[in-house]
Protein backbone atom coordinates (compact mmCIF):
# COMPACT_ATOMS: atom_id res chain seq x y z
CA UNK A 1 33.29 -5.30 -10.50
CA UNK A 2 31.45 -2.25 -12.04
CA UNK A 3 33.54 0.82 -12.96
CA UNK A 4 33.24 3.71 -10.16
CA UNK A 5 31.42 5.88 -12.31
CA UNK A 6 28.63 3.60 -13.26
CA UNK A 7 25.33 4.00 -11.42
CA UNK A 8 23.86 1.31 -9.33
CA UNK A 9 21.08 -0.61 -10.99
CA UNK A 10 17.59 0.32 -9.75
CA UNK A 11 14.94 -1.54 -7.95
CA UNK A 12 11.87 0.59 -8.39
CA UNK A 13 8.87 0.32 -6.06
CA UNK A 14 5.92 1.61 -8.05
CA UNK A 15 2.61 2.21 -6.35
CA UNK A 16 0.26 4.47 -4.26
CA UNK A 17 0.12 5.38 -0.65
CA UNK A 18 0.95 1.80 0.59
CA UNK A 19 4.24 2.09 -1.30
CA UNK A 20 4.88 5.76 -0.52
CA UNK A 21 4.29 5.22 3.28
CA UNK A 22 6.59 2.11 3.26
CA UNK A 23 9.61 4.28 3.89
CA UNK A 24 8.21 5.21 7.39
CA UNK A 25 9.70 3.34 10.14
CA UNK A 26 7.90 4.99 13.08
CA UNK A 27 6.18 1.82 13.75
CA UNK A 28 9.45 -0.11 13.83
CA UNK A 29 9.65 -1.50 10.43
CA UNK A 30 9.51 -0.15 6.88
CA UNK A 31 9.33 -2.43 3.81
CA UNK A 32 11.34 0.07 1.53
CA UNK A 33 14.11 0.62 4.17
CA UNK A 34 14.29 -3.29 4.62
CA UNK A 35 14.87 -3.81 0.91
CA UNK A 36 17.36 -0.98 0.86
CA UNK A 37 19.24 -2.86 3.66
CA UNK A 38 18.91 -6.28 1.93
CA UNK A 39 20.31 -4.83 -1.30
CA UNK A 40 22.74 -2.26 0.36
CA UNK A 41 25.83 -1.64 -2.07
CA UNK A 42 24.19 -3.76 -4.74
CA UNK A 43 21.11 -1.94 -5.92
CA UNK A 44 19.53 1.50 -5.36
CA UNK A 45 15.94 0.64 -4.19
CA UNK A 46 13.83 3.59 -5.07
CA UNK A 47 10.33 4.41 -3.74
CA UNK A 48 8.04 5.85 -6.35
CA UNK A 49 4.88 5.51 -4.49
CA UNK A 50 2.21 8.22 -5.09
CA UNK A 51 -0.48 8.57 -2.45
CA UNK A 52 -4.01 8.55 -3.73
CA UNK A 53 -3.05 7.39 -7.38
CA UNK A 54 -4.98 4.88 -9.18
CA UNK A 55 -3.69 2.59 -12.00
CA UNK A 56 -5.07 5.08 -14.51
CA UNK A 57 -3.05 7.97 -12.77
CA UNK A 58 -0.09 5.65 -12.30
CA UNK A 59 -0.07 4.79 -16.20
CA UNK A 60 0.24 8.61 -16.92
CA UNK A 61 2.80 9.34 -14.31
CA UNK A 62 5.25 6.53 -15.42
CA UNK A 63 6.83 8.53 -18.23
CA UNK A 64 7.75 11.32 -15.85
CA UNK A 65 9.98 9.37 -13.60
CA UNK A 66 10.89 6.05 -15.28
CA UNK A 67 14.68 6.23 -16.28
CA UNK A 68 15.94 5.95 -19.78
CA UNK A 69 18.65 3.27 -20.40
CA UNK A 70 21.25 5.80 -20.80
CA UNK A 71 20.64 7.19 -17.40
CA UNK A 72 20.12 4.12 -15.31
CA UNK A 73 19.50 0.44 -15.66
CA UNK A 74 16.25 -0.79 -13.92
CA UNK A 75 16.91 -4.34 -12.57
CA UNK A 76 13.50 -4.71 -10.78
CA UNK A 77 10.10 -3.09 -11.01
CA UNK A 78 7.69 -3.99 -8.38
CA UNK A 79 4.09 -2.74 -9.15
CA UNK A 80 1.59 -2.52 -6.27
CA UNK A 81 -1.68 -0.59 -7.26
CA UNK A 82 -5.41 -1.16 -6.73
CA UNK A 83 -6.40 0.00 -3.23
CA UNK A 84 -7.63 3.12 -4.56
CA UNK A 85 -9.17 1.63 -7.86
CA UNK A 86 -11.10 -0.50 -5.48
CA UNK A 87 -13.25 2.09 -4.02
CA UNK A 88 -16.98 1.81 -4.54
CA UNK A 89 -18.48 2.71 -7.82
CA UNK A 90 -19.37 6.28 -8.17
CA UNK A 91 -16.39 7.56 -5.95
CA UNK A 92 -13.78 9.72 -7.75
CA UNK A 93 -10.83 7.19 -7.78
CA UNK A 94 -13.10 4.18 -8.75
CA UNK A 95 -11.53 2.19 -11.69
CA UNK A 96 -13.68 -0.69 -13.11
CA UNK A 97 -12.20 -4.06 -12.62
CA UNK A 98 -11.38 -4.74 -16.53
CA UNK A 99 -10.03 -1.15 -16.99
CA UNK A 100 -7.70 -1.68 -13.84
CA UNK A 101 -6.45 -5.00 -15.40
CA UNK A 102 -5.83 -3.19 -18.73
CA UNK A 103 -3.83 -0.27 -17.01
CA UNK A 104 -1.77 -2.74 -15.13
CA UNK A 105 -1.13 -4.62 -18.52
CA UNK A 106 -0.28 -1.29 -20.14
CA UNK A 107 2.26 -0.35 -17.33
CA UNK A 108 3.86 -3.83 -17.54
CA UNK A 109 4.04 -3.40 -21.50
CA UNK A 110 4.84 0.23 -21.52
CA UNK A 111 7.59 0.94 -24.11
CA UNK A 112 9.83 2.70 -21.48
CA UNK A 113 9.61 -0.31 -19.28
CA UNK A 114 10.20 -2.93 -22.18
CA UNK A 115 13.42 -1.15 -23.34
CA UNK A 116 14.67 -1.67 -19.91
CA UNK A 117 13.52 -5.33 -19.72
CA UNK A 118 13.40 -5.26 -15.97
CA UNK A 119 12.45 -8.31 -13.73
CA UNK A 120 8.82 -7.31 -13.04
CA UNK A 121 6.61 -8.58 -10.32
CA UNK A 122 2.96 -7.52 -9.38
CA UNK A 123 1.66 -7.14 -5.79
CA UNK A 124 -2.01 -7.68 -5.19
CA UNK A 125 -3.66 -4.95 -3.12
CA UNK A 126 -4.02 -6.33 0.50
CA UNK A 127 -7.43 -6.67 2.20
CA UNK A 128 -8.98 -3.89 4.19
CA UNK A 129 -10.75 -3.86 7.65
CA UNK A 130 -14.20 -2.11 7.38
CA UNK A 131 -14.34 -1.78 11.03
CA UNK A 132 -11.32 0.58 11.15
CA UNK A 133 -12.46 2.19 7.80
CA UNK A 134 -15.47 3.63 9.33
CA UNK A 135 -13.45 6.04 11.39
CA UNK A 136 -11.16 6.74 8.44
CA UNK A 137 -13.97 7.52 6.05
CA UNK A 138 -15.33 9.78 8.43
CA UNK A 139 -12.10 11.78 8.93
CA UNK A 140 -11.88 11.90 5.15
CA UNK A 141 -15.37 13.02 4.68
CA UNK A 142 -16.30 10.31 2.24
CA UNK A 143 -19.30 7.94 2.11
CA UNK A 144 -18.96 4.89 4.18
CA UNK A 145 -17.99 2.20 3.24
CA UNK A 146 -15.55 3.58 0.70
CA UNK A 147 -14.19 0.14 0.47
CA UNK A 148 -15.36 -3.36 1.19
CA UNK A 149 -13.40 -6.42 1.93
CA UNK A 150 -15.36 -8.35 -0.91
CA UNK A 151 -14.61 -5.68 -3.56
CA UNK A 152 -10.95 -5.53 -2.64
CA UNK A 153 -10.81 -9.16 -3.07
CA UNK A 154 -11.96 -9.08 -6.62
CA UNK A 155 -9.11 -6.55 -7.39
CA UNK A 156 -6.55 -8.89 -5.98
CA UNK A 157 -7.87 -11.72 -7.77
CA UNK A 158 -7.55 -9.70 -11.01
CA UNK A 159 -3.85 -9.23 -10.46
CA UNK A 160 -3.36 -12.91 -9.93
CA UNK A 161 -5.19 -13.53 -13.32
CA UNK A 162 -3.02 -11.01 -15.11
CA UNK A 163 0.13 -12.32 -13.63
CA UNK A 164 -0.82 -15.78 -15.14
CA UNK A 165 -1.80 -14.05 -18.60
CA UNK A 166 1.53 -12.15 -18.79
CA UNK A 167 3.73 -14.77 -17.04
CA UNK A 168 4.75 -12.21 -14.50
CA UNK A 169 5.26 -13.25 -11.00
CA UNK A 170 2.77 -12.02 -8.23
CA UNK A 171 3.22 -11.40 -4.75
CA UNK A 172 -0.11 -12.27 -3.26
CA UNK A 173 -0.32 -9.80 -0.28
CA UNK A 174 -4.17 -10.42 0.03
CA UNK A 175 -3.60 -14.14 0.83
CA UNK A 176 -0.66 -13.42 2.87
CA UNK A 177 -2.52 -11.22 5.24
CA UNK A 178 -5.52 -13.57 5.50
CA UNK A 179 -3.23 -16.49 6.30
CA UNK A 180 -1.60 -14.26 8.93
CA UNK A 181 -4.99 -14.31 10.89
CA UNK A 182 -5.94 -17.94 10.22
CA UNK A 183 -8.49 -17.39 7.55
CA UNK A 184 -9.34 -20.15 5.18
CA UNK A 185 -11.26 -20.27 1.96
CA UNK A 186 -15.02 -20.67 2.81
CA UNK A 187 -14.79 -18.73 5.97
CA UNK A 188 -16.65 -15.23 6.19
CA UNK A 189 -14.19 -12.70 5.03
CA UNK A 190 -12.21 -11.38 7.89
CA UNK A 191 -12.37 -7.29 7.68
CA UNK A 192 -16.05 -7.48 6.42
CA UNK A 193 -18.95 -6.53 8.55
CA UNK A 194 -20.18 -10.04 8.27
CA UNK A 195 -17.30 -11.19 10.60
CA UNK A 196 -16.62 -10.08 13.91
CA UNK A 197 -13.66 -7.60 14.32
CA UNK A 198 -10.26 -9.57 14.53
CA UNK A 199 -7.78 -7.98 16.83
CA UNK A 200 -4.62 -9.72 14.93
CA UNK A 201 -6.28 -8.36 11.69
CA UNK A 202 -6.80 -4.92 13.11
CA UNK A 203 -3.09 -4.81 13.99
CA UNK A 204 -2.06 -4.78 10.41
CA UNK A 205 -3.66 -1.48 9.70
CA UNK A 206 -3.47 2.09 10.98
CA UNK A 207 -6.78 2.85 9.68
CA UNK A 208 -8.29 -0.03 7.76
CA UNK A 209 -6.41 0.74 4.68
CA UNK A 210 -2.82 1.84 5.36
CA UNK A 211 -0.30 -0.62 6.91
CA UNK A 212 1.56 -1.04 10.10
CA UNK A 213 5.10 -2.21 10.44
CA UNK A 214 3.91 -5.57 11.25
CA UNK A 215 2.02 -5.56 7.86
CA UNK A 216 5.03 -4.20 6.07
CA UNK A 217 7.25 -7.11 7.45
CA UNK A 218 4.54 -9.65 6.05
CA UNK A 219 5.00 -7.60 2.62
CA UNK A 220 8.85 -7.75 2.79
CA UNK A 221 9.09 -11.51 3.57
CA UNK A 222 6.65 -12.27 0.63
CA UNK A 223 8.48 -10.13 -1.78
CA UNK A 224 11.88 -11.86 -0.81
CA UNK A 225 10.19 -15.24 -1.11
CA UNK A 226 9.05 -14.34 -4.73
CA UNK A 227 12.46 -13.12 -5.77
CA UNK A 228 14.20 -16.13 -4.52
CA UNK A 229 11.73 -18.47 -6.28
CA UNK A 230 11.76 -16.70 -9.48
CA UNK A 231 15.25 -15.26 -9.71
CA UNK A 232 17.36 -17.08 -7.32
CA UNK A 233 20.42 -15.51 -8.76
CA UNK A 234 19.16 -12.16 -7.75
CA UNK A 235 18.87 -12.60 -3.99
CA UNK A 236 21.32 -10.04 -2.15
CA UNK A 237 23.86 -12.81 -1.29
CA UNK A 238 24.27 -13.67 -5.00
CA UNK A 239 24.95 -10.08 -6.16
CA UNK A 240 28.34 -8.51 -6.17
CA UNK A 241 28.86 -5.19 -4.38
CA UNK A 242 29.03 -2.31 -6.94
CA UNK A 243 32.14 -0.76 -5.18
CA UNK A 244 34.76 -3.24 -3.87
CA UNK A 245 35.01 -4.41 -0.32
CA UNK A 246 37.42 -2.20 2.06
CA UNK A 247 39.89 -4.99 1.82
CA UNK A 248 40.42 -4.36 -1.87
CA UNK A 249 39.73 -0.63 -1.69
CA UNK A 250 42.59 1.73 -2.97
CA UNK A 251 44.51 3.55 -0.15
């Protein structure tokens, strides 16, 4: 049992708006609160999502929030970036594919991260729905399409490749969402204009990009599966509570 004055180890969720908005439970489920519940009294699950950020911006902001070892221990670092990098070339947020991979590599290997030696996993950007994005792009005043299903897939594939190169586990959100709607390799990409709009797929997004509670539940399940497969000793049931159970608590 840890001393009472010792902070809880941290589980940091680092990403863009998909991470920032994962704390919202208005739609019935939030990925961040679900992780907090799973690791309650064991780890502090911290949302470090920055809406609109690309991998380049994330690399620069990391030193501003990532704790030093003398202040806290980072047990897990989950990195989910790419939905903004993958906007079409010429748009402000666009980050070329190879630069995106380089930025992610630098985040994983950042000195402030390495000194903590956390358990790191990457998450691919999920797919997008171009049918819904038409309305979203108009509301944002940006050219349509700002993103395409095909382009987003390239960025998801890049994360999988990088995970293999770095021997870092990957949560393949792109494939998890596509499996959910029954898509198979060789089919026309669900979410593209070449395929008809899919109501089950549409239900995963609020606007073609950002996620509903149903989508965050898919993400949560996929994350817990990757944790159990790669670090079975770190699933919640295997971790001691930081503060003792009430039966052992001092009166």
